[in-house]
Amino acid sequence: MNRKEVGDAGEARAAEWLATRGYRVVCRQYRTQLGEIDLVCEEGTELVFVEVKTRRKSTRFGYPEETITRQKVLRLLKAGYAYLREHHMPDRAFRLEAVLVEGVPPKEIITHISSLDAGVDAW
């Protein structure tokens, strides 16, 4: 598998995993000049902009959470605002989250990081 295929497979697995927890996937791979949102979901009345990071075999290039830098969170936030503008939802409640997928099914490890927006300065 090439990098794009690995990323797409991780996003699909993350979408399935979130769906089993009550999220509804609205959009995949939303792109704007300001950045990309891997998954746009709804949970209740809130939109959730989700960054997905996938590692299939090894952590030789680092752990997935290490790639979610402060700059990445800020790009996700800017892309989220672009999504809200484009879809005429300026007052819609939203939050930023991440799903980390490590390994391959059925033995993958999925980690859910909620409230990335609350910890922007921590990254």
PDB file of N, CA and C in Angstrom:
ATOM      1  N   MET A   1       0.834  -1.188   0.000  1.00  0.00           N
ATOM      2  CA  MET A   1       0.000   0.000   0.000  1.00  0.00           C
ATOM      3  C   MET A   1       0.880   1.253   0.000  1.00  0.00           C
ATOM      4  N   ASN A   2       0.492   2.232  -0.801  1.00  0.00           N
ATOM      5  CA  ASN A   2       1.212   3.494  -0.751  1.00  0.00           C
ATOM      6  C   ASN A   2       0.643   4.370   0.363  1.00  0.00           C
ATOM      7  N   ARG A   3       1.268   5.533   0.590  1.00  0.00           N
ATOM      8  CA  ARG A   3       0.853   6.408   1.705  1.00  0.00           C
ATOM      9  C   ARG A   3      -0.607   6.831   1.604  1.00  0.00           C
ATOM     10  N   LYS A   4      -1.061   7.166   0.393  1.00  0.00           N
ATOM     11  CA  LYS A   4      -2.455   7.607   0.205  1.00  0.00           C
ATOM     12  C   LYS A   4      -3.416   6.479   0.549  1.00  0.00           C
ATOM     13  N   GLU A   5      -3.109   5.283   0.103  1.00  0.00           N
ATOM     14  CA  GLU A   5      -3.975   4.136   0.398  1.00  0.00           C
ATOM     15  C   GLU A   5      -4.012   3.835   1.902  1.00  0.00           C
ATOM     16  N   VAL A   6      -2.859   3.944   2.545  1.00  0.00           N
ATOM     17  CA  VAL A   6      -2.809   3.732   3.998  1.00  0.00           C
ATOM     18  C   VAL A   6      -3.647   4.789   4.706  1.00  0.00           C
ATOM     19  N   GLY A   7      -3.485   6.051   4.298  1.00  0.00           N
ATOM     20  CA  GLY A   7      -4.263   7.132   4.899  1.00  0.00           C
ATOM     21  C   GLY A   7      -5.753   6.964   4.676  1.00  0.00           C
ATOM     22  N   ASP A   8      -6.143   6.601   3.462  1.00  0.00           N
ATOM     23  CA  ASP A   8      -7.562   6.388   3.156  1.00  0.00           C
ATOM     24  C   ASP A   8      -8.138   5.230   3.973  1.00  0.00           C
ATOM     25  N   ALA A   9      -7.353   4.158   4.113  1.00  0.00           N
ATOM     26  CA  ALA A   9      -7.814   3.011   4.910  1.00  0.00           C
ATOM     27  C   ALA A   9      -7.964   3.412   6.378  1.00  0.00           C
ATOM     28  N   GLY A  10      -7.032   4.198   6.887  1.00  0.00           N
ATOM     29  CA  GLY A  10      -7.123   4.673   8.271  1.00  0.00           C
ATOM     30  C   GLY A  10      -8.335   5.562   8.477  1.00  0.00           C
ATOM     31  N   GLU A  11      -8.609   6.439   7.516  1.00  0.00           N
ATOM     32  CA  GLU A  11      -9.785   7.307   7.611  1.00  0.00           C
ATOM     33  C   GLU A  11     -11.071   6.488   7.589  1.00  0.00           C
ATOM     34  N   ALA A  12     -11.109   5.473   6.727  1.00  0.00           N
ATOM     35  CA  ALA A  12     -12.301   4.614   6.668  1.00  0.00           C
ATOM     36  C   ALA A  12     -12.499   3.887   7.994  1.00  0.00           C
ATOM     37  N   ARG A  13     -11.410   3.384   8.563  1.00  0.00           N
ATOM     38  CA  ARG A  13     -11.510   2.676   9.851  1.00  0.00           C
ATOM     39  C   ARG A  13     -11.926   3.632  10.960  1.00  0.00           C
ATOM     40  N   ALA A  14     -11.372   4.846  10.951  1.00  0.00           N
ATOM     41  CA  ALA A  14     -11.743   5.844  11.959  1.00  0.00           C
ATOM     42  C   ALA A  14     -13.218   6.211  11.822  1.00  0.00           C
ATOM     43  N   ALA A  15     -13.700   6.356  10.589  1.00  0.00           N
ATOM     44  CA  ALA A  15     -15.113   6.692  10.360  1.00  0.00           C
ATOM     45  C   ALA A  15     -16.020   5.585  10.900  1.00  0.00           C
ATOM     46  N   GLU A  16     -15.659   4.335  10.647  1.00  0.00           N
ATOM     47  CA  GLU A  16     -16.437   3.205  11.183  1.00  0.00           C
ATOM     48  C   GLU A  16     -16.441   3.239  12.706  1.00  0.00           C
ATOM     49  N   TRP A  17     -15.283   3.440  13.281  1.00  0.00           N
ATOM     50  CA  TRP A  17     -15.130   3.440  14.733  1.00  0.00           C
ATOM     51  C   TRP A  17     -15.970   4.550  15.360  1.00  0.00           C
ATOM     52  N   LEU A  18     -15.909   5.754  14.778  1.00  0.00           N
ATOM     53  CA  LEU A  18     -16.699   6.868  15.300  1.00  0.00           C
ATOM     54  C   LEU A  18     -18.199   6.597  15.153  1.00  0.00           C
ATOM     55  N   ALA A  19     -18.598   5.978  14.048  1.00  0.00           N
ATOM     56  CA  ALA A  19     -20.021   5.676  13.827  1.00  0.00           C
ATOM     57  C   ALA A  19     -20.555   4.749  14.915  1.00  0.00           C
ATOM     58  N   THR A  20     -19.734   3.823  15.381  1.00  0.00           N
ATOM     59  CA  THR A  20     -20.190   2.917  16.445  1.00  0.00           C
ATOM     60  C   THR A  20     -20.333   3.640  17.783  1.00  0.00           C
ATOM     61  N   ARG A  21     -19.828   4.854  17.840  1.00  0.00           N
ATOM     62  CA  ARG A  21     -19.919   5.658  19.066  1.00  0.00           C
ATOM     63  C   ARG A  21     -20.892   6.825  18.931  1.00  0.00           C
ATOM     64  N   GLY A  22     -21.750   6.756  17.926  1.00  0.00           N
ATOM     65  CA  GLY A  22     -22.811   7.745  17.796  1.00  0.00           C
ATOM     66  C   GLY A  22     -22.519   8.938  16.903  1.00  0.00           C
ATOM     67  N   TYR A  23     -21.357   8.958  16.280  1.00  0.00           N
ATOM     68  CA  TYR A  23     -21.034  10.041  15.352  1.00  0.00           C
ATOM     69  C   TYR A  23     -21.646   9.714  13.981  1.00  0.00           C
ATOM     70  N   ARG A  24     -22.000  10.754  13.236  1.00  0.00           N
ATOM     71  CA  ARG A  24     -22.464  10.581  11.865  1.00  0.00           C
ATOM     72  C   ARG A  24     -21.493  11.317  10.958  1.00  0.00           C
ATOM     73  N   VAL A  25     -20.875  10.592  10.033  1.00  0.00           N
ATOM     74  CA  VAL A  25     -19.915  11.202   9.114  1.00  0.00           C
ATOM     75  C   VAL A  25     -20.690  11.974   8.056  1.00  0.00           C
ATOM     76  N   VAL A  26     -20.392  13.260   7.952  1.00  0.00           N
ATOM     77  CA  VAL A  26     -21.053  14.151   7.003  1.00  0.00           C
ATOM     78  C   VAL A  26     -20.224  14.309   5.735  1.00  0.00           C
ATOM     79  N   CYS A  27     -18.908  14.332   5.890  1.00  0.00           N
ATOM     80  CA  CYS A  27     -18.018  14.603   4.761  1.00  0.00           C
ATOM     81  C   CYS A  27     -16.655  13.975   5.045  1.00  0.00           C
ATOM     82  N   ARG A  28     -16.019  13.467   3.983  1.00  0.00           N
ATOM     83  CA  ARG A  28     -14.649  12.961   4.106  1.00  0.00           C
ATOM     84  C   ARG A  28     -13.733  13.787   3.218  1.00  0.00           C
ATOM     85  N   GLN A  29     -12.551  14.060   3.702  1.00  0.00           N
ATOM     86  CA  GLN A  29     -11.496  14.754   2.967  1.00  0.00           C
ATOM     87  C   GLN A  29     -11.967  16.097   2.403  1.00  0.00           C
ATOM     88  N   TYR A  30     -12.484  16.932   3.292  1.00  0.00           N
ATOM     89  CA  TYR A  30     -12.859  18.289   2.907  1.00  0.00           C
ATOM     90  C   TYR A  30     -11.578  19.090   2.702  1.00  0.00           C
ATOM     91  N   ARG A  31     -11.448  19.699   1.532  1.00  0.00           N
ATOM     92  CA  ARG A  31     -10.235  20.449   1.208  1.00  0.00           C
ATOM     93  C   ARG A  31     -10.564  21.918   0.951  1.00  0.00           C
ATOM     94  N   THR A  32      -9.682  22.765   1.446  1.00  0.00           N
ATOM     95  CA  THR A  32      -9.756  24.195   1.215  1.00  0.00           C
ATOM     96  C   THR A  32      -8.327  24.707   1.095  1.00  0.00           C
ATOM     97  N   GLN A  33      -8.152  25.935   0.645  1.00  0.00           N
ATOM     98  CA  GLN A  33      -6.807  26.511   0.555  1.00  0.00           C
ATOM     99  C   GLN A  33      -6.150  26.606   1.930  1.00  0.00           C
ATOM    100  N   LEU A  34      -6.954  26.625   2.969  1.00  0.00           N
ATOM    101  CA  LEU A  34      -6.429  26.785   4.325  1.00  0.00           C
ATOM    102  C   LEU A  34      -6.021  25.467   4.974  1.00  0.00           C
ATOM    103  N   GLY A  35      -6.423  24.347   4.393  1.00  0.00           N
ATOM    104  CA  GLY A  35      -6.093  23.054   4.973  1.00  0.00           C
ATOM    105  C   GLY A  35      -7.110  22.005   4.610  1.00  0.00           C
ATOM    106  N   GLU A  36      -6.957  20.844   5.210  1.00  0.00           N
ATOM    107  CA  GLU A  36      -7.850  19.718   4.952  1.00  0.00           C
ATOM    108  C   GLU A  36      -8.422  19.204   6.267  1.00  0.00           C
ATOM    109  N   ILE A  37      -9.665  18.743   6.186  1.00  0.00           N
ATOM    110  CA  ILE A  37     -10.293  18.063   7.321  1.00  0.00           C
ATOM    111  C   ILE A  37     -10.542  16.635   6.870  1.00  0.00           C
ATOM    112  N   ASP A  38      -9.973  15.672   7.596  1.00  0.00           N
ATOM    113  CA  ASP A  38     -10.125  14.273   7.197  1.00  0.00           C
ATOM    114  C   ASP A  38     -11.577  13.821   7.288  1.00  0.00           C
ATOM    115  N   LEU A  39     -12.220  14.094   8.417  1.00  0.00           N
ATOM    116  CA  LEU A  39     -13.623  13.714   8.608  1.00  0.00           C
ATOM    117  C   LEU A  39     -14.388  14.867   9.233  1.00  0.00           C
ATOM    118  N   VAL A  40     -15.536  15.171   8.651  1.00  0.00           N
ATOM    119  CA  VAL A  40     -16.467  16.112   9.269  1.00  0.00           C
ATOM    120  C   VAL A  40     -17.628  15.252   9.756  1.00  0.00           C
ATOM    121  N   CYS A  41     -17.875  15.306  11.067  1.00  0.00           N
ATOM    122  CA  CYS A  41     -18.909  14.469  11.671  1.00  0.00           C
ATOM    123  C   CYS A  41     -19.894  15.332  12.440  1.00  0.00           C
ATOM    124  N   GLU A  42     -21.011  14.734  12.771  1.00  0.00           N
ATOM    125  CA  GLU A  42     -21.951  15.334  13.710  1.00  0.00           C
ATOM    126  C   GLU A  42     -22.087  14.393  14.886  1.00  0.00           C
ATOM    127  N   GLU A  43     -22.098  14.974  16.067  1.00  0.00           N
ATOM    128  CA  GLU A  43     -22.443  14.230  17.275  1.00  0.00           C
ATOM    129  C   GLU A  43     -23.438  15.112  18.010  1.00  0.00           C
ATOM    130  N   GLY A  44     -24.669  14.663  18.040  1.00  0.00           N
ATOM    131  CA  GLY A  44     -25.720  15.497  18.601  1.00  0.00           C
ATOM    132  C   GLY A  44     -25.880  16.737  17.741  1.00  0.00           C
ATOM    133  N   THR A  45     -25.839  17.902  18.369  1.00  0.00           N
ATOM    134  CA  THR A  45     -26.002  19.151  17.628  1.00  0.00           C
ATOM    135  C   THR A  45     -24.671  19.770  17.223  1.00  0.00           C
ATOM    136  N   GLU A  46     -23.556  19.146  17.616  1.00  0.00           N
ATOM    137  CA  GLU A  46     -22.241  19.709  17.328  1.00  0.00           C
ATOM    138  C   GLU A  46     -21.616  19.085  16.090  1.00  0.00           C
ATOM    139  N   LEU A  47     -20.885  19.913  15.345  1.00  0.00           N
ATOM    140  CA  LEU A  47     -20.019  19.401  14.292  1.00  0.00           C
ATOM    141  C   LEU A  47     -18.689  19.033  14.929  1.00  0.00           C
ATOM    142  N   VAL A  48     -18.065  18.008  14.394  1.00  0.00           N
ATOM    143  CA  VAL A  48     -16.762  17.581  14.895  1.00  0.00           C
ATOM    144  C   VAL A  48     -15.832  17.466  13.695  1.00  0.00           C
ATOM    145  N   PHE A  49     -14.749  18.250  13.713  1.00  0.00           N
ATOM    146  CA  PHE A  49     -13.740  18.191  12.673  1.00  0.00           C
ATOM    147  C   PHE A  49     -12.636  17.267  13.178  1.00  0.00           C
ATOM    148  N   VAL A  50     -12.403  16.174  12.446  1.00  0.00           N
ATOM    149  CA  VAL A  50     -11.527  15.105  12.938  1.00  0.00           C
ATOM    150  C   VAL A  50     -10.277  14.968  12.068  1.00  0.00           C
ATOM    151  N   GLU A  51      -9.144  15.005  12.723  1.00  0.00           N
ATOM    152  CA  GLU A  51      -7.860  14.699  12.095  1.00  0.00           C
ATOM    153  C   GLU A  51      -7.577  13.220  12.340  1.00  0.00           C
ATOM    154  N   VAL A  52      -7.245  12.480  11.284  1.00  0.00           N
ATOM    155  CA  VAL A  52      -6.948  11.054  11.411  1.00  0.00           C
ATOM    156  C   VAL A  52      -5.476  10.846  11.084  1.00  0.00           C
ATOM    157  N   LYS A  53      -4.780  10.126  11.941  1.00  0.00           N
ATOM    158  CA  LYS A  53      -3.388   9.774  11.721  1.00  0.00           C
ATOM    159  C   LYS A  53      -3.267   8.263  11.772  1.00  0.00           C
ATOM    160  N   THR A  54      -2.579   7.687  10.775  1.00  0.00           N
ATOM    161  CA  THR A  54      -2.492   6.243  10.651  1.00  0.00           C
ATOM    162  C   THR A  54      -1.043   5.798  10.572  1.00  0.00           C
ATOM    163  N   ARG A  55      -0.718   4.749  11.299  1.00  0.00           N
ATOM    164  CA  ARG A  55       0.568   4.054  11.196  1.00  0.00           C
ATOM    165  C   ARG A  55       0.239   2.576  11.051  1.00  0.00           C
ATOM    166  N   ARG A  56       0.635   1.975   9.959  1.00  0.00           N
ATOM    167  CA  ARG A  56       0.283   0.584   9.688  1.00  0.00           C
ATOM    168  C   ARG A  56       1.179  -0.424  10.405  1.00  0.00           C
ATOM    169  N   LYS A  57       2.477  -0.255  10.312  1.00  0.00           N
ATOM    170  CA  LYS A  57       3.355  -1.319  10.776  1.00  0.00           C
ATOM    171  C   LYS A  57       4.275  -0.920  11.906  1.00  0.00           C
ATOM    172  N   SER A  58       4.924   0.202  11.780  1.00  0.00           N
ATOM    173  CA  SER A  58       5.931   0.525  12.783  1.00  0.00           C
ATOM    174  C   SER A  58       5.824   1.989  13.181  1.00  0.00           C
ATOM    175  N   THR A  59       6.530   2.303  14.224  1.00  0.00           N
ATOM    176  CA  THR A  59       6.606   3.699  14.670  1.00  0.00           C
ATOM    177  C   THR A  59       7.987   4.268  14.333  1.00  0.00           C
ATOM    178  N   ARG A  60       8.633   3.673  13.333  1.00  0.00           N
ATOM    179  CA  ARG A  60       9.962   4.127  12.915  1.00  0.00           C
ATOM    180  C   ARG A  60       9.967   5.621  12.596  1.00  0.00           C
ATOM    181  N   PHE A  61       8.848   6.120  12.052  1.00  0.00           N
ATOM    182  CA  PHE A  61       8.746   7.539  11.717  1.00  0.00           C
ATOM    183  C   PHE A  61       8.018   8.315  12.809  1.00  0.00           C
ATOM    184  N   GLY A  62       7.910   7.720  13.981  1.00  0.00           N
ATOM    185  CA  GLY A  62       7.275   8.388  15.107  1.00  0.00           C
ATOM    186  C   GLY A  62       5.871   7.863  15.364  1.00  0.00           C
ATOM    187  N   TYR A  63       5.347   8.225  16.494  1.00  0.00           N
ATOM    188  CA  TYR A  63       3.987   7.849  16.858  1.00  0.00           C
ATOM    189  C   TYR A  63       3.013   8.814  16.196  1.00  0.00           C
ATOM    190  N   PRO A  64       1.806   8.353  15.876  1.00  0.00           N
ATOM    191  CA  PRO A  64       0.867   9.228  15.166  1.00  0.00           C
ATOM    192  C   PRO A  64       0.570  10.527  15.899  1.00  0.00           C
ATOM    193  N   GLU A  65       0.479  10.483  17.206  1.00  0.00           N
ATOM    194  CA  GLU A  65       0.142  11.696  17.956  1.00  0.00           C
ATOM    195  C   GLU A  65       1.252  12.759  17.871  1.00  0.00           C
ATOM    196  N   GLU A  66       2.478  12.323  17.565  1.00  0.00           N
ATOM    197  CA  GLU A  66       3.582  13.274  17.452  1.00  0.00           C
ATOM    198  C   GLU A  66       3.438  14.183  16.229  1.00  0.00           C
ATOM    199  N   THR A  67       2.618  13.771  15.268  1.00  0.00           N
ATOM    200  CA  THR A  67       2.441  14.573  14.056  1.00  0.00           C
ATOM    201  C   THR A  67       1.338  15.615  14.213  1.00  0.00           C
ATOM    202  N   ILE A  68       0.619  15.586  15.313  1.00  0.00           N
ATOM    203  CA  ILE A  68      -0.434  16.575  15.545  1.00  0.00           C
ATOM    204  C   ILE A  68       0.178  17.737  16.319  1.00  0.00           C
ATOM    205  N   THR A  69       0.794  18.607  15.571  1.00  0.00           N
ATOM    206  CA  THR A  69       1.490  19.760  16.145  1.00  0.00           C
ATOM    207  C   THR A  69       0.512  20.914  16.348  1.00  0.00           C
ATOM    208  N   ARG A  70       0.992  21.929  17.023  1.00  0.00           N
ATOM    209  CA  ARG A  70       0.192  23.143  17.210  1.00  0.00           C
ATOM    210  C   ARG A  70      -0.206  23.719  15.853  1.00  0.00           C
ATOM    211  N   GLN A  71       0.736  23.722  14.890  1.00  0.00           N
ATOM    212  CA  GLN A  71       0.451  24.245  13.560  1.00  0.00           C
ATOM    213  C   GLN A  71      -0.636  23.421  12.864  1.00  0.00           C
ATOM    214  N   LYS A  72      -0.599  22.099  13.046  1.00  0.00           N
ATOM    215  CA  LYS A  72      -1.615  21.235  12.440  1.00  0.00           C
ATOM    216  C   LYS A  72      -2.987  21.532  13.031  1.00  0.00           C
ATOM    217  N   VAL A  73      -3.052  21.718  14.341  1.00  0.00           N
ATOM    218  CA  VAL A  73      -4.321  22.035  14.998  1.00  0.00           C
ATOM    219  C   VAL A  73      -4.853  23.374  14.497  1.00  0.00           C
ATOM    220  N   LEU A  74      -3.971  24.347  14.332  1.00  0.00           N
ATOM    221  CA  LEU A  74      -4.392  25.659  13.826  1.00  0.00           C
ATOM    222  C   LEU A  74      -4.900  25.559  12.388  1.00  0.00           C
ATOM    223  N   ARG A  75      -4.242  24.737  11.543  1.00  0.00           N
ATOM    224  CA  ARG A  75      -4.725  24.534  10.166  1.00  0.00           C
ATOM    225  C   ARG A  75      -6.090  23.863  10.171  1.00  0.00           C
ATOM    226  N   LEU A  76      -6.275  22.901  11.055  1.00  0.00           N
ATOM    227  CA  LEU A  76      -7.569  22.224  11.174  1.00  0.00           C
ATOM    228  C   LEU A  76      -8.644  23.216  11.599  1.00  0.00           C
ATOM    229  N   LEU A  77      -8.304  24.077  12.528  1.00  0.00           N
ATOM    230  CA  LEU A  77      -9.240  25.096  12.988  1.00  0.00           C
ATOM    231  C   LEU A  77      -9.618  26.055  11.849  1.00  0.00           C
ATOM    232  N   LYS A  78      -8.629  26.514  11.090  1.00  0.00           N
ATOM    233  CA  LYS A  78      -8.898  27.408   9.962  1.00  0.00           C
ATOM    234  C   LYS A  78      -9.751  26.718   8.902  1.00  0.00           C
ATOM    235  N   ALA A  79      -9.454  25.459   8.611  1.00  0.00           N
ATOM    236  CA  ALA A  79     -10.254  24.707   7.644  1.00  0.00           C
ATOM    237  C   ALA A  79     -11.678  24.528   8.169  1.00  0.00           C
ATOM    238  N   GLY A  80     -11.819  24.337   9.480  1.00  0.00           N
ATOM    239  CA  GLY A  80     -13.146  24.224  10.081  1.00  0.00           C
ATOM    240  C   GLY A  80     -13.963  25.492   9.899  1.00  0.00           C
ATOM    241  N   TYR A  81     -13.331  26.629  10.118  1.00  0.00           N
ATOM    242  CA  TYR A  81     -14.031  27.898   9.902  1.00  0.00           C
ATOM    243  C   TYR A  81     -14.414  28.064   8.423  1.00  0.00           C
ATOM    244  N   ALA A  82     -13.545  27.626   7.519  1.00  0.00           N
ATOM    245  CA  ALA A  82     -13.869  27.692   6.089  1.00  0.00           C
ATOM    246  C   ALA A  82     -15.073  26.811   5.775  1.00  0.00           C
ATOM    247  N   TYR A  83     -15.106  25.616   6.383  1.00  0.00           N
ATOM    248  CA  TYR A  83     -16.246  24.711   6.186  1.00  0.00           C
ATOM    249  C   TYR A  83     -17.545  25.375   6.656  1.00  0.00           C
ATOM    250  N   LEU A  84     -17.501  25.997   7.820  1.00  0.00           N
ATOM    251  CA  LEU A  84     -18.688  26.657   8.362  1.00  0.00           C
ATOM    252  C   LEU A  84     -19.150  27.795   7.450  1.00  0.00           C
ATOM    253  N   ARG A  85     -18.207  28.573   6.946  1.00  0.00           N
ATOM    254  CA  ARG A  85     -18.565  29.664   6.029  1.00  0.00           C
ATOM    255  C   ARG A  85     -19.180  29.117   4.741  1.00  0.00           C
ATOM    256  N   GLU A  86     -18.511  28.123   4.164  1.00  0.00           N
ATOM    257  CA  GLU A  86     -18.975  27.553   2.892  1.00  0.00           C
ATOM    258  C   GLU A  86     -20.375  26.951   3.010  1.00  0.00           C
ATOM    259  N   HIS A  87     -20.678  26.394   4.169  1.00  0.00           N
ATOM    260  CA  HIS A  87     -21.969  25.736   4.379  1.00  0.00           C
ATOM    261  C   HIS A  87     -22.974  26.623   5.124  1.00  0.00           C
ATOM    262  N   HIS A  88     -22.660  27.920   5.211  1.00  0.00           N
ATOM    263  CA  HIS A  88     -23.572  28.917   5.792  1.00  0.00           C
ATOM    264  C   HIS A  88     -24.020  28.550   7.208  1.00  0.00           C
ATOM    265  N   MET A  89     -23.031  28.198   8.037  1.00  0.00           N
ATOM    266  CA  MET A  89     -23.295  27.819   9.428  1.00  0.00           C
ATOM    267  C   MET A  89     -22.400  28.614  10.374  1.00  0.00           C
ATOM    268  N   PRO A  90     -22.415  29.930  10.308  1.00  0.00           N
ATOM    269  CA  PRO A  90     -21.447  30.697  11.101  1.00  0.00           C
ATOM    270  C   PRO A  90     -21.578  30.518  12.609  1.00  0.00           C
ATOM    271  N   ASP A  91     -22.746  30.148  13.084  1.00  0.00           N
ATOM    272  CA  ASP A  91     -22.949  30.024  14.531  1.00  0.00           C
ATOM    273  C   ASP A  91     -23.011  28.573  15.011  1.00  0.00           C
ATOM    274  N   ARG A  92     -22.696  27.637  14.156  1.00  0.00           N
ATOM    275  CA  ARG A  92     -22.783  26.218  14.509  1.00  0.00           C
ATOM    276  C   ARG A  92     -21.699  25.852  15.517  1.00  0.00           C
ATOM    277  N   ALA A  93     -22.074  25.165  16.564  1.00  0.00           N
ATOM    278  CA  ALA A  93     -21.107  24.697  17.567  1.00  0.00           C
ATOM    279  C   ALA A  93     -20.248  23.592  16.952  1.00  0.00           C
ATOM    280  N   PHE A  94     -18.950  23.622  17.258  1.00  0.00           N
ATOM    281  CA  PHE A  94     -18.049  22.598  16.735  1.00  0.00           C
ATOM    282  C   PHE A  94     -16.910  22.370  17.710  1.00  0.00           C
ATOM    283  N   ARG A  95     -16.199  21.273  17.455  1.00  0.00           N
ATOM    284  CA  ARG A  95     -14.983  20.992  18.216  1.00  0.00           C
ATOM    285  C   ARG A  95     -14.020  20.229  17.306  1.00  0.00           C
ATOM    286  N   LEU A  96     -12.759  20.175  17.721  1.00  0.00           N
ATOM    287  CA  LEU A  96     -11.712  19.483  16.981  1.00  0.00           C
ATOM    288  C   LEU A  96     -11.304  18.238  17.750  1.00  0.00           C
ATOM    289  N   GLU A  97     -11.144  17.146  17.026  1.00  0.00           N
ATOM    290  CA  GLU A  97     -10.721  15.894  17.642  1.00  0.00           C
ATOM    291  C   GLU A  97      -9.725  15.191  16.734  1.00  0.00           C
ATOM    292  N   ALA A  98      -9.098  14.148  17.244  1.00  0.00           N
ATOM    293  CA  ALA A  98      -8.196  13.321  16.445  1.00  0.00           C
ATOM    294  C   ALA A  98      -8.475  11.861  16.732  1.00  0.00           C
ATOM    295  N   VAL A  99      -8.295  11.037  15.709  1.00  0.00           N
ATOM    296  CA  VAL A  99      -8.352   9.589  15.867  1.00  0.00           C
ATOM    297  C   VAL A  99      -7.045   9.035  15.325  1.00  0.00           C
ATOM    298  N   LEU A 100      -6.358   8.252  16.157  1.00  0.00           N
ATOM    299  CA  LEU A 100      -5.080   7.648  15.789  1.00  0.00           C
ATOM    300  C   LEU A 100      -5.296   6.166  15.562  1.00  0.00           C
ATOM    301  N   VAL A 101      -4.885   5.680  14.403  1.00  0.00           N
ATOM    302  CA  VAL A 101      -5.044   4.270  14.057  1.00  0.00           C
ATOM    303  C   VAL A 101      -3.647   3.687  13.889  1.00  0.00           C
ATOM    304  N   GLU A 102      -3.322   2.703  14.724  1.00  0.00           N
ATOM    305  CA  GLU A 102      -2.007   2.066  14.673  1.00  0.00           C
ATOM    306  C   GLU A 102      -2.167   0.579  14.427  1.00  0.00           C
ATOM    307  N   GLY A 103      -1.398   0.037  13.470  1.00  0.00           N
ATOM    308  CA  GLY A 103      -1.455  -1.384  13.169  1.00  0.00           C
ATOM    309  C   GLY A 103      -2.477  -1.685  12.094  1.00  0.00           C
ATOM    310  N   VAL A 104      -2.761  -2.974  11.932  1.00  0.00           N
ATOM    311  CA  VAL A 104      -3.689  -3.421  10.898  1.00  0.00           C
ATOM    312  C   VAL A 104      -4.810  -4.231  11.528  1.00  0.00           C
ATOM    313  N   PRO A 105      -6.016  -4.183  10.915  1.00  0.00           N
ATOM    314  CA  PRO A 105      -7.134  -4.968  11.443  1.00  0.00           C
ATOM    315  C   PRO A 105      -6.787  -6.449  11.424  1.00  0.00           C
ATOM    316  N   PRO A 106      -7.256  -7.230  12.331  1.00  0.00           N
ATOM    317  CA  PRO A 106      -8.164  -6.866  13.414  1.00  0.00           C
ATOM    318  C   PRO A 106      -7.436  -6.466  14.694  1.00  0.00           C
ATOM    319  N   LYS A 107      -6.125  -6.274  14.605  1.00  0.00           N
ATOM    320  CA  LYS A 107      -5.340  -5.995  15.812  1.00  0.00           C
ATOM    321  C   LYS A 107      -4.913  -4.539  15.925  1.00  0.00           C
ATOM    322  N   GLU A 108      -5.594  -3.644  15.216  1.00  0.00           N
ATOM    323  CA  GLU A 108      -5.199  -2.248  15.297  1.00  0.00           C
ATOM    324  C   GLU A 108      -5.586  -1.659  16.649  1.00  0.00           C
ATOM    325  N   ILE A 109      -4.861  -0.623  16.999  1.00  0.00           N
ATOM    326  CA  ILE A 109      -5.144   0.123  18.229  1.00  0.00           C
ATOM    327  C   ILE A 109      -5.682   1.479  17.800  1.00  0.00           C
ATOM    328  N   ILE A 110      -6.852   1.834  18.297  1.00  0.00           N
ATOM    329  CA  ILE A 110      -7.464   3.114  17.963  1.00  0.00           C
ATOM    330  C   ILE A 110      -7.507   3.971  19.214  1.00  0.00           C
ATOM    331  N   THR A 111      -6.956   5.174  19.099  1.00  0.00           N
ATOM    332  CA  THR A 111      -6.939   6.125  20.197  1.00  0.00           C
ATOM    333  C   THR A 111      -7.713   7.359  19.771  1.00  0.00           C
ATOM    334  N   HIS A 112      -8.590   7.825  20.641  1.00  0.00           N
ATOM    335  CA  HIS A 112      -9.430   8.983  20.350  1.00  0.00           C
ATOM    336  C   HIS A 112      -8.974  10.136  21.236  1.00  0.00           C
ATOM    337  N   ILE A 113      -8.613  11.243  20.619  1.00  0.00           N
ATOM    338  CA  ILE A 113      -8.224  12.446  21.362  1.00  0.00           C
ATOM    339  C   ILE A 113      -9.308  13.481  21.129  1.00  0.00           C
ATOM    340  N   SER A 114     -10.000  13.834  22.176  1.00  0.00           N
ATOM    341  CA  SER A 114     -11.063  14.831  22.039  1.00  0.00           C
ATOM    342  C   SER A 114     -10.555  16.196  22.485  1.00  0.00           C
ATOM    343  N   SER A 115     -11.250  17.213  22.080  1.00  0.00           N
ATOM    344  CA  SER A 115     -10.992  18.591  22.514  1.00  0.00           C
ATOM    345  C   SER A 115      -9.617  19.106  22.129  1.00  0.00           C
ATOM    346  N   LEU A 116      -9.210  18.904  20.885  1.00  0.00           N
ATOM    347  CA  LEU A 116      -7.945  19.486  20.435  1.00  0.00           C
ATOM    348  C   LEU A 116      -7.968  20.997  20.543  1.00  0.00           C
ATOM    349  N   ASP A 117      -9.144  21.599  20.323  1.00  0.00           N
ATOM    350  CA  ASP A 117      -9.225  23.066  20.385  1.00  0.00           C
ATOM    351  C   ASP A 117      -8.938  23.588  21.788  1.00  0.00           C
ATOM    352  N   ALA A 118      -9.243  22.812  22.815  1.00  0.00           N
ATOM    353  CA  ALA A 118      -8.977  23.255  24.184  1.00  0.00           C
ATOM    354  C   ALA A 118      -7.497  23.216  24.501  1.00  0.00           C
ATOM    355  N   GLY A 119      -6.728  22.425  23.733  1.00  0.00           N
ATOM    356  CA  GLY A 119      -5.326  22.272  24.045  1.00  0.00           C
ATOM    357  C   GLY A 119      -4.385  22.817  22.997  1.00  0.00           C
ATOM    358  N   VAL A 120      -4.841  23.767  22.201  1.00  0.00           N
ATOM    359  CA  VAL A 120      -3.980  24.285  21.132  1.00  0.00           C
ATOM    360  C   VAL A 120      -2.637  24.754  21.680  1.00  0.00           C
ATOM    361  N   ASP A 121      -2.625  25.467  22.780  1.00  0.00           N
ATOM    362  CA  ASP A 121      -1.374  25.972  23.333  1.00  0.00           C
ATOM    363  C   ASP A 121      -0.497  24.852  23.892  1.00  0.00           C
ATOM    364  N   ALA A 122      -1.113  23.716  24.228  1.00  0.00           N
ATOM    365  CA  ALA A 122      -0.333  22.594  24.756  1.00  0.00           C
ATOM    366  C   ALA A 122       0.462  21.901  23.669  1.00  0.00           C
ATOM    367  N   TRP A 123       0.055  22.059  22.417  1.00  0.00           N
ATOM    368  CA  TRP A 123       0.748  21.385  21.323  1.00  0.00           C
ATOM    369  C   TRP A 123       1.906  22.234  20.916  1.00  0.00           C
TER     370      TRP A 123
END
